[in-house]
């Protein structure tokens, strides 16, 4: 029996969704949005034009995720390395673009019942951007649908450093460091993403084969889907294609495939 097509999907999205199993959608999808600069370069445009064009990709992807009922979507919007290594003019443009995006998109987020959250060292962002970020978060905090998390000034290594510092600080306020307990559950409780399930699927655009310091702890068992599509060209249909690929895989978490527990595998039959 074919899946019921959610309202709001366009023709191409509906065609891909028709072949999905709604019961096996990933709960949490993380996306490394890459390729803005190359998109602009191929068109002989400045890099900032690629960033501007990427906003449409965000809008389409977020709305499609919400329409099909994805619980959580996390977008790698601005890395700590971007902050430190990009030209100041480009960083300033990205900050202005972020503020404009939040102001323009909050009504759409509310219309789609999407709750906005953030991860990263937000306190290092410009004060006016921090105010806009907090305004957008509060404006959507009562929504109960998809949780959209923007990684801003984010670094997975910095997240782990902050988690360990938080663990030490908690122990020092609870009888001293002899009470420090370090295990996977405790680390998870001190991560920026402690209120989210670990991602089931990570999507990387532009064909690059690396995680770029993104959610290194949380992606331990995530399925990886890489598409050559540059981020400004990415749309909801591409997200659905990634989910279709995800559903073809069997998630083992270090275990065996069904039927692989036999001590002696069956011999390979060579055709005559």
Protein backbone atom coordinates (compact mmCIF):
# COMPACT_ATOMS: atom_id res chain seq x y z
CA UNK A 1 0.00 0.00 0.00
CA UNK A 2 1.42 3.38 -0.99
CA UNK A 3 2.12 5.98 1.64
CA UNK A 4 -0.34 8.84 2.01
CA UNK A 5 1.26 11.95 0.53
CA UNK A 6 1.55 14.76 3.12
CA UNK A 7 -0.04 18.06 2.22
CA UNK A 8 2.24 20.68 0.75
CA UNK A 9 4.68 18.46 -1.17
CA UNK A 10 5.20 19.39 -4.81
CA UNK A 11 5.02 16.91 -7.68
CA UNK A 12 8.69 15.84 -7.56
CA UNK A 13 8.65 15.52 -3.77
CA UNK A 14 5.45 13.51 -3.87
CA UNK A 15 6.94 11.09 -6.40
CA UNK A 16 9.93 10.37 -4.14
CA UNK A 17 7.84 10.24 -0.97
CA UNK A 18 5.50 7.69 -2.56
CA UNK A 19 8.32 5.13 -2.36
CA UNK A 20 9.25 5.83 1.28
CA UNK A 21 8.15 3.93 4.36
CA UNK A 22 6.68 6.57 6.71
CA UNK A 23 7.27 4.24 9.67
CA UNK A 24 11.03 4.28 9.06
CA UNK A 25 11.73 7.97 8.64
CA UNK A 26 14.83 9.19 10.49
CA UNK A 27 13.93 10.97 13.71
CA UNK A 28 16.83 13.39 13.48
CA UNK A 29 18.57 14.58 10.30
CA UNK A 30 21.72 16.70 10.40
CA UNK A 31 22.90 18.60 7.32
CA UNK A 32 26.34 20.00 6.49
CA UNK A 33 25.39 22.80 4.10
CA UNK A 34 28.37 23.15 1.77
CA UNK A 35 29.05 24.61 -1.66
CA UNK A 36 27.86 28.23 -1.50
CA UNK A 37 31.24 29.57 -2.61
CA UNK A 38 31.61 27.13 -5.50
CA UNK A 39 28.04 27.83 -6.61
CA UNK A 40 28.86 31.54 -6.83
CA UNK A 41 32.25 30.99 -8.48
CA UNK A 42 30.72 28.89 -11.27
CA UNK A 43 28.45 31.82 -12.03
CA UNK A 44 31.25 34.42 -11.78
CA UNK A 45 29.55 35.98 -8.77
CA UNK A 46 30.94 37.02 -5.37
CA UNK A 47 30.89 34.41 -2.56
CA UNK A 48 28.19 36.34 -0.71
CA UNK A 49 25.81 35.67 -3.62
CA UNK A 50 26.12 31.96 -2.86
CA UNK A 51 25.26 32.54 0.78
CA UNK A 52 22.24 34.60 -0.23
CA UNK A 53 21.08 31.90 -2.64
CA UNK A 54 21.47 29.29 0.12
CA UNK A 55 18.58 30.83 2.06
CA UNK A 56 16.08 29.40 -0.45
CA UNK A 57 17.60 25.96 0.09
CA UNK A 58 17.14 26.30 3.85
CA UNK A 59 13.51 27.32 3.43
CA UNK A 60 12.64 24.45 1.08
CA UNK A 61 14.47 21.83 3.15
CA UNK A 62 13.01 22.93 6.47
CA UNK A 63 9.45 23.10 5.17
CA UNK A 64 9.68 19.65 3.56
CA UNK A 65 11.10 18.14 6.76
CA UNK A 66 8.23 19.62 8.75
CA UNK A 67 5.60 18.47 6.25
CA UNK A 68 6.70 14.83 6.41
CA UNK A 69 6.99 14.86 10.20
CA UNK A 70 10.75 14.78 10.85
CA UNK A 71 11.20 15.20 14.60
CA UNK A 72 14.47 17.14 14.48
CA UNK A 73 16.54 18.86 11.78
CA UNK A 74 19.95 20.35 12.58
CA UNK A 75 21.70 22.64 10.09
CA UNK A 76 25.41 23.47 10.22
CA UNK A 77 24.93 27.17 9.55
CA UNK A 78 28.12 28.82 10.80
CA UNK A 79 31.18 27.05 12.15
CA UNK A 80 33.65 28.37 14.68
CA UNK A 81 36.28 28.06 11.95
CA UNK A 82 34.16 30.28 9.66
CA UNK A 83 34.21 32.91 12.38
CA UNK A 84 37.99 32.82 12.78
CA UNK A 85 39.25 32.13 9.23
CA UNK A 86 36.91 33.90 6.81
CA UNK A 87 37.40 37.56 5.76
CA UNK A 88 35.69 40.01 8.10
CA UNK A 89 33.56 41.36 5.26
CA UNK A 90 32.17 37.87 4.58
CA UNK A 91 31.54 37.20 8.28
CA UNK A 92 29.75 40.53 8.66
CA UNK A 93 27.58 39.69 5.65
CA UNK A 94 26.71 36.27 7.11
CA UNK A 95 25.68 37.88 10.41
CA UNK A 96 23.40 40.34 8.60
CA UNK A 97 22.00 37.53 6.46
CA UNK A 98 21.26 35.47 9.57
CA UNK A 99 19.42 38.36 11.22
CA UNK A 100 17.36 39.01 8.08
CA UNK A 101 16.58 35.30 7.71
CA UNK A 102 15.32 35.01 11.28
CA UNK A 103 13.17 38.12 11.00
CA UNK A 104 11.65 37.01 7.70
CA UNK A 105 11.18 33.31 8.48
CA UNK A 106 9.65 33.33 11.98
CA UNK A 107 6.08 33.68 10.59
CA UNK A 108 6.69 30.70 8.28
CA UNK A 109 8.20 28.67 11.11
CA UNK A 110 5.11 29.35 13.23
CA UNK A 111 2.81 28.51 10.32
CA UNK A 112 4.57 25.13 10.02
CA UNK A 113 4.63 24.54 13.81
CA UNK A 114 8.46 24.52 13.83
CA UNK A 115 10.41 25.25 17.03
CA UNK A 116 13.74 27.00 16.62
CA UNK A 117 16.79 26.17 18.77
CA UNK A 118 20.53 26.79 18.56
CA UNK A 119 23.81 25.10 19.43
CA UNK A 120 27.27 26.66 19.57
CA UNK A 121 29.05 29.43 21.43
CA UNK A 122 26.39 32.05 20.86
CA UNK A 123 27.86 34.38 23.48
CA UNK A 124 30.71 35.13 21.03
CA UNK A 125 28.32 36.42 18.35
CA UNK A 126 27.66 40.16 17.95
CA UNK A 127 25.23 41.43 20.57
CA UNK A 128 22.57 42.47 18.06
CA UNK A 129 22.70 39.00 16.48
CA UNK A 130 22.37 37.38 19.91
CA UNK A 131 19.26 39.50 20.53
CA UNK A 132 17.73 38.51 17.19
CA UNK A 133 18.53 34.84 17.81
CA UNK A 134 16.86 34.91 21.22
CA UNK A 135 13.84 36.78 19.84
CA UNK A 136 13.34 34.12 17.15
CA UNK A 137 13.72 31.30 19.67
CA UNK A 138 11.13 32.78 22.02
CA UNK A 139 8.78 33.49 19.11
CA UNK A 140 8.63 29.78 18.24
CA UNK A 141 9.04 28.17 21.66
CA UNK A 142 5.41 27.04 21.93
CA UNK A 143 5.46 25.15 18.63
CA UNK A 144 5.25 21.35 18.93
CA UNK A 145 6.35 20.12 15.51
CA UNK A 146 9.81 19.76 13.98
CA UNK A 147 12.70 21.08 16.07
CA UNK A 148 14.96 23.14 13.82
CA UNK A 149 18.40 23.60 15.37
CA UNK A 150 20.88 26.02 13.85
CA UNK A 151 24.54 25.38 14.65
CA UNK A 152 25.98 28.88 15.02
CA UNK A 153 29.63 29.51 15.84
CA UNK A 154 29.73 25.76 16.38
CA UNK A 155 32.65 23.35 16.71
CA UNK A 156 32.29 19.74 17.82
CA UNK A 157 35.65 19.86 19.58
CA UNK A 158 34.65 23.02 21.42
CA UNK A 159 31.36 21.35 22.36
CA UNK A 160 33.27 18.47 23.97
CA UNK A 161 35.58 20.89 25.78
CA UNK A 162 32.54 22.78 27.08
CA UNK A 163 30.91 19.49 28.13
CA UNK A 164 33.97 18.38 30.12
CA UNK A 165 34.22 21.81 31.76
CA UNK A 166 30.55 21.59 32.68
CA UNK A 167 31.06 18.13 34.17
CA UNK A 168 33.99 19.31 36.28
CA UNK A 169 32.08 22.39 37.41
CA UNK A 170 29.05 20.28 38.37
CA UNK A 171 31.24 17.92 40.40
CA UNK A 172 33.02 20.78 42.17
CA UNK A 173 29.65 22.12 43.31
CA UNK A 174 28.54 18.68 44.47
CA UNK A 175 31.18 17.69 47.00
CA UNK A 176 34.37 18.02 44.97
CA UNK A 177 36.12 16.35 42.04
CA UNK A 178 36.14 12.98 43.80
CA UNK A 179 32.45 12.90 42.86
CA UNK A 180 33.23 13.41 39.16
CA UNK A 181 31.62 10.63 37.15
CA UNK A 182 32.67 10.19 33.52
CA UNK A 183 30.73 7.83 31.27
CA UNK A 184 28.87 8.12 27.97
CA UNK A 185 25.55 9.04 29.57
CA UNK A 186 27.14 11.81 31.65
CA UNK A 187 28.94 13.26 28.66
CA UNK A 188 25.70 13.20 26.69
CA UNK A 189 23.91 15.09 29.46
CA UNK A 190 26.39 17.97 29.13
CA UNK A 191 26.43 18.31 25.34
CA UNK A 192 24.66 21.18 23.56
CA UNK A 193 22.31 18.58 22.05
CA UNK A 194 21.32 16.92 25.34
CA UNK A 195 17.62 17.43 24.61
CA UNK A 196 17.80 15.86 21.13
CA UNK A 197 18.18 12.26 19.97
CA UNK A 198 21.42 11.53 18.13
CA UNK A 199 21.08 12.03 14.35
CA UNK A 200 20.09 8.97 12.35
CA UNK A 201 21.15 10.54 9.06
CA UNK A 202 23.76 13.16 8.17
CA UNK A 203 23.59 14.76 4.74
CA UNK A 204 26.61 16.47 3.19
CA UNK A 205 26.17 18.58 0.08
CA UNK A 206 28.78 19.46 -2.60
CA UNK A 207 30.31 15.97 -2.71
CA UNK A 208 32.89 16.48 0.04
CA UNK A 209 33.70 13.38 2.13
CA UNK A 210 34.29 14.81 5.60
CA UNK A 211 32.38 15.80 8.74
CA UNK A 212 34.11 19.18 9.17
CA UNK A 213 34.07 19.14 12.98
CA UNK A 214 30.28 18.72 13.12
CA UNK A 215 28.54 16.69 15.86
CA UNK A 216 31.48 14.28 16.14
CA UNK A 217 30.13 12.60 19.29
CA UNK A 218 26.52 12.45 18.15
CA UNK A 219 27.20 11.08 14.65
CA UNK A 220 28.91 7.92 15.91
CA UNK A 221 26.27 5.64 14.34
CA UNK A 222 24.60 7.99 11.86
CA UNK A 223 24.16 6.95 8.25
CA UNK A 224 26.08 9.27 5.91
CA UNK A 225 24.60 10.48 2.64
CA UNK A 226 26.75 12.63 0.33
CA UNK A 227 25.25 14.40 -2.66
CA UNK A 228 27.18 16.34 -5.32
CA UNK A 229 24.44 18.98 -5.29
CA UNK A 230 25.75 22.34 -4.09
CA UNK A 231 23.80 23.79 -1.19
CA UNK A 232 22.09 26.68 -3.05
CA UNK A 233 20.63 24.09 -5.47
CA UNK A 234 19.47 21.73 -2.70
CA UNK A 235 15.71 21.46 -2.20
CA UNK A 236 13.18 19.36 -0.33
CA UNK A 237 13.24 16.71 -3.05
CA UNK A 238 16.97 16.19 -2.43
CA UNK A 239 16.25 15.68 1.27
CA UNK A 240 13.70 13.02 0.36
CA UNK A 241 16.24 11.34 -1.93
CA UNK A 242 18.64 11.17 1.00
CA UNK A 243 15.94 9.59 3.14
CA UNK A 244 15.25 7.06 0.38
CA UNK A 245 18.92 6.06 0.40
CA UNK A 246 18.84 5.88 4.21
CA UNK A 247 15.92 3.45 4.08
CA UNK A 248 17.87 1.09 1.84
CA UNK A 249 20.45 0.53 4.56
CA UNK A 250 20.34 -1.77 7.57
CA UNK A 251 21.49 -0.04 10.74
CA UNK A 252 23.57 -2.46 12.82
CA UNK A 253 25.17 -0.32 15.57
CA UNK A 254 28.20 -2.61 15.54
CA UNK A 255 26.15 -5.82 15.42
CA UNK A 256 25.43 -8.25 12.61
CA UNK A 257 23.01 -8.17 9.76
CA UNK A 258 20.03 -10.47 10.11
CA UNK A 259 21.20 -13.89 9.00
CA UNK A 260 24.90 -13.07 9.45
CA UNK A 261 25.26 -14.89 12.77
CA UNK A 262 26.16 -18.24 11.16
CA UNK A 263 29.70 -19.37 11.84
CA UNK A 264 30.25 -20.44 8.24
CA UNK A 265 28.93 -18.29 5.43
CA UNK A 266 27.33 -19.98 2.44
CA UNK A 267 29.72 -20.53 -0.48
CA UNK A 268 29.52 -18.08 -3.35
CA UNK A 269 27.86 -19.61 -6.40
CA UNK A 270 29.86 -18.89 -9.53
CA UNK A 271 27.70 -18.86 -12.66
CA UNK A 272 28.73 -21.32 -15.36
